[in-house]
Amino acid sequence: MASSNSTESGTHSHGRCAGPRMYCYHNEVAPLRVVKHNGPNQGKQFYGCPHWPQKTCGFFKWTHEVQNVDDLQYMVLEKDTTLIELEHEKKTLKKEVEELKAENEKLEDMVAELSIENTETRLFMEATMADKKLAVALIISWVFLAFVFFLI
């Protein structure tokens, strides 16, 4: 962020900060500086181009802005991580759905086979029952026929 305050508030005081490394538009480490001039910004720290005041690339950031940027970058990183985790979970769930669909198809095939077997078994039992009824009727008719022959 370029600022019109960069020329009035800069000093030649270089400092080190345990915070993030900032790079100017020359792709060089921007030193931490302190505003020395009297005014509302006196004593505030900022990052500026290392070539200032000889030449400048317009790079200027207050340290509190850098922390906000770091916080935002961290939040973006967290969101990216969450997205990656969700994408992985989505792939896992898709795979599970495919496996469940395949298992469902197998079970549907088994149900269809069992239904056919059940129908065949029921028809066999009905046929067997009819055969038993016929056999009972035949036995009863022979017994009746035998009884009639003994009476005559």
Protein backbone atom coordinates (compact mmCIF):
# COMPACT_ATOMS: atom_id res chain seq x y z
CA MET A 1 0.00 0.00 0.00
CA ALA A 2 1.63 3.24 -1.09
CA SER A 3 1.08 6.22 1.15
CA SER A 4 1.65 9.94 0.89
CA ASN A 5 2.94 9.84 4.48
CA SER A 6 5.92 7.72 3.50
CA THR A 7 8.14 10.72 2.67
CA GLU A 8 7.21 12.77 5.72
CA SER A 9 7.27 9.99 8.29
CA GLY A 10 10.36 7.97 7.31
CA THR A 11 13.67 7.82 9.11
CA HIS A 12 16.96 6.14 8.54
CA SER A 13 16.52 4.08 11.70
CA HIS A 14 16.58 0.36 10.82
CA GLY A 15 15.28 -2.22 13.22
CA ARG A 16 14.58 -5.89 13.39
CA CYS A 17 11.25 -7.35 14.25
CA ALA A 18 10.32 -10.87 15.31
CA GLY A 19 7.24 -10.46 13.12
CA PRO A 20 6.82 -11.33 9.47
CA ARG A 21 9.43 -10.57 6.83
CA MET A 22 8.13 -7.97 4.46
CA TYR A 23 9.45 -7.45 0.95
CA CYS A 24 9.26 -4.26 -1.04
CA TYR A 25 8.45 -4.07 -4.73
CA HIS A 26 12.20 -4.49 -5.49
CA ASN A 27 11.80 -7.95 -3.89
CA GLU A 28 14.18 -7.00 -1.08
CA VAL A 29 13.56 -7.26 2.65
CA ALA A 30 11.80 -4.10 3.79
CA PRO A 31 13.36 -2.87 7.05
CA LEU A 32 11.27 -1.98 10.07
CA ARG A 33 11.44 1.76 10.66
CA VAL A 34 10.10 4.17 13.27
CA VAL A 35 8.50 7.57 12.60
CA LYS A 36 10.82 10.22 14.14
CA HIS A 37 9.11 13.40 12.96
CA ASN A 38 6.76 15.19 15.30
CA GLY A 39 3.13 14.49 14.56
CA PRO A 40 0.35 12.04 15.21
CA ASN A 41 2.37 9.12 13.81
CA GLN A 42 5.52 9.76 15.87
CA GLY A 43 6.87 6.52 17.36
CA LYS A 44 4.81 4.25 15.12
CA GLN A 45 6.59 1.43 13.32
CA PHE A 46 6.34 0.77 9.60
CA TYR A 47 7.98 -1.22 6.85
CA GLY A 48 9.40 0.73 3.94
CA CYS A 49 11.54 0.28 0.87
CA PRO A 50 15.21 -0.28 1.83
CA HIS A 51 16.29 2.16 -0.90
CA TRP A 52 14.32 5.09 0.54
CA PRO A 53 15.01 8.09 0.34
CA GLN A 54 17.45 7.64 -2.60
CA LYS A 55 14.84 5.85 -4.69
CA THR A 56 11.61 4.23 -3.75
CA CYS A 57 9.20 1.70 -5.15
CA GLY A 58 6.27 3.08 -3.20
CA PHE A 59 6.23 0.23 -0.68
CA PHE A 60 4.95 1.27 2.73
CA LYS A 61 3.05 -0.70 5.39
CA TRP A 62 2.26 0.09 9.01
CA THR A 63 3.13 -2.81 11.31
CA HIS A 64 -0.45 -3.09 12.60
CA GLU A 65 -1.63 -3.50 8.98
CA VAL A 66 0.89 -6.29 8.50
CA GLN A 67 -0.50 -8.15 11.51
CA ASN A 68 -3.98 -7.80 10.04
CA VAL A 69 -2.70 -9.14 6.73
CA ASP A 70 -1.03 -12.03 8.57
CA ASP A 71 -4.28 -12.75 10.38
CA LEU A 72 -6.13 -12.74 7.06
CA GLN A 73 -3.49 -14.94 5.44
CA TYR A 74 -3.80 -17.35 8.36
CA MET A 75 -7.58 -17.35 7.97
CA VAL A 76 -7.22 -18.04 4.24
CA LEU A 77 -4.79 -20.86 5.03
CA GLU A 78 -7.28 -22.30 7.53
CA LYS A 79 -10.06 -22.04 4.93
CA ASP A 80 -7.84 -23.71 2.32
CA THR A 81 -7.04 -26.49 4.78
CA THR A 82 -10.73 -26.90 5.58
CA LEU A 83 -11.55 -27.01 1.86
CA ILE A 84 -8.91 -29.67 1.26
CA GLU A 85 -10.25 -31.71 4.18
CA LEU A 86 -13.82 -31.34 2.89
CA GLU A 87 -12.76 -32.33 -0.63
CA HIS A 88 -11.04 -35.41 0.80
CA GLU A 89 -14.16 -36.23 2.83
CA LYS A 90 -16.28 -35.70 -0.30
CA LYS A 91 -14.11 -38.15 -2.26
CA THR A 92 -14.30 -40.65 0.58
CA LEU A 93 -18.08 -40.31 0.79
CA LYS A 94 -18.42 -40.65 -3.00
CA LYS A 95 -16.39 -43.86 -2.82
CA GLU A 96 -18.59 -45.12 0.03
CA VAL A 97 -21.72 -44.25 -1.96
CA GLU A 98 -20.40 -46.16 -4.98
CA GLU A 99 -19.59 -49.16 -2.78
CA LEU A 100 -23.05 -49.00 -1.19
CA LYS A 101 -24.68 -48.77 -4.62
CA ALA A 102 -22.77 -51.86 -5.75
CA GLU A 103 -23.76 -53.68 -2.56
CA ASN A 104 -27.36 -52.54 -3.05
CA GLU A 105 -27.37 -53.97 -6.58
CA LYS A 106 -26.01 -57.28 -5.26
CA LEU A 107 -28.69 -57.34 -2.56
CA GLU A 108 -31.41 -56.52 -5.10
CA ASP A 109 -30.17 -59.40 -7.27
CA MET A 110 -30.22 -61.69 -4.23
CA VAL A 111 -33.76 -60.56 -3.34
CA ALA A 112 -34.88 -61.23 -6.91
CA GLU A 113 -33.30 -64.72 -6.81
CA LEU A 114 -34.87 -65.43 -3.42
CA SER A 115 -38.22 -64.21 -4.69
CA ILE A 116 -37.97 -66.63 -7.62
CA GLU A 117 -36.93 -69.46 -5.28
CA ASN A 118 -39.77 -68.56 -2.92
CA THR A 119 -42.26 -68.66 -5.77
CA GLU A 120 -40.90 -72.00 -6.96
CA THR A 121 -41.03 -73.38 -3.42
CA ARG A 122 -44.61 -72.14 -2.95
CA LEU A 123 -45.67 -73.72 -6.26
CA PHE A 124 -43.93 -76.95 -5.30
CA MET A 125 -45.67 -76.93 -1.92
CA GLU A 126 -49.03 -76.27 -3.54
CA ALA A 127 -48.41 -79.10 -5.99
CA THR A 128 -47.33 -81.35 -3.13
CA MET A 129 -50.43 -80.39 -1.18
CA ALA A 130 -52.62 -81.20 -4.17
CA ASP A 131 -50.83 -84.53 -4.53
CA LYS A 132 -51.43 -85.26 -0.84
CA LYS A 133 -55.12 -84.37 -1.15
CA LEU A 134 -55.35 -86.58 -4.21
CA ALA A 135 -53.58 -89.42 -2.39
CA VAL A 136 -55.91 -89.06 0.62
CA ALA A 137 -58.93 -89.03 -1.67
CA LEU A 138 -57.62 -92.11 -3.47
CA ILE A 139 -57.02 -93.97 -0.19
CA ILE A 140 -60.47 -93.04 1.07
CA SER A 141 -62.06 -94.21 -2.19
CA TRP A 142 -60.21 -97.58 -1.97
CA VAL A 143 -61.23 -98.01 1.63
CA PHE A 144 -64.82 -97.23 0.66
CA LEU A 145 -64.59 -99.62 -2.29
CA ALA A 146 -63.16 -102.37 -0.07
CA PHE A 147 -65.93 -101.81 2.48
CA VAL A 148 -68.59 -102.05 -0.24
CA PHE A 149 -67.07 -105.35 -1.52
CA PHE A 150 -67.15 -106.85 1.97
CA LEU A 151 -70.78 -105.90 2.40
CA ILE A 152 -71.93 -107.48 -0.80
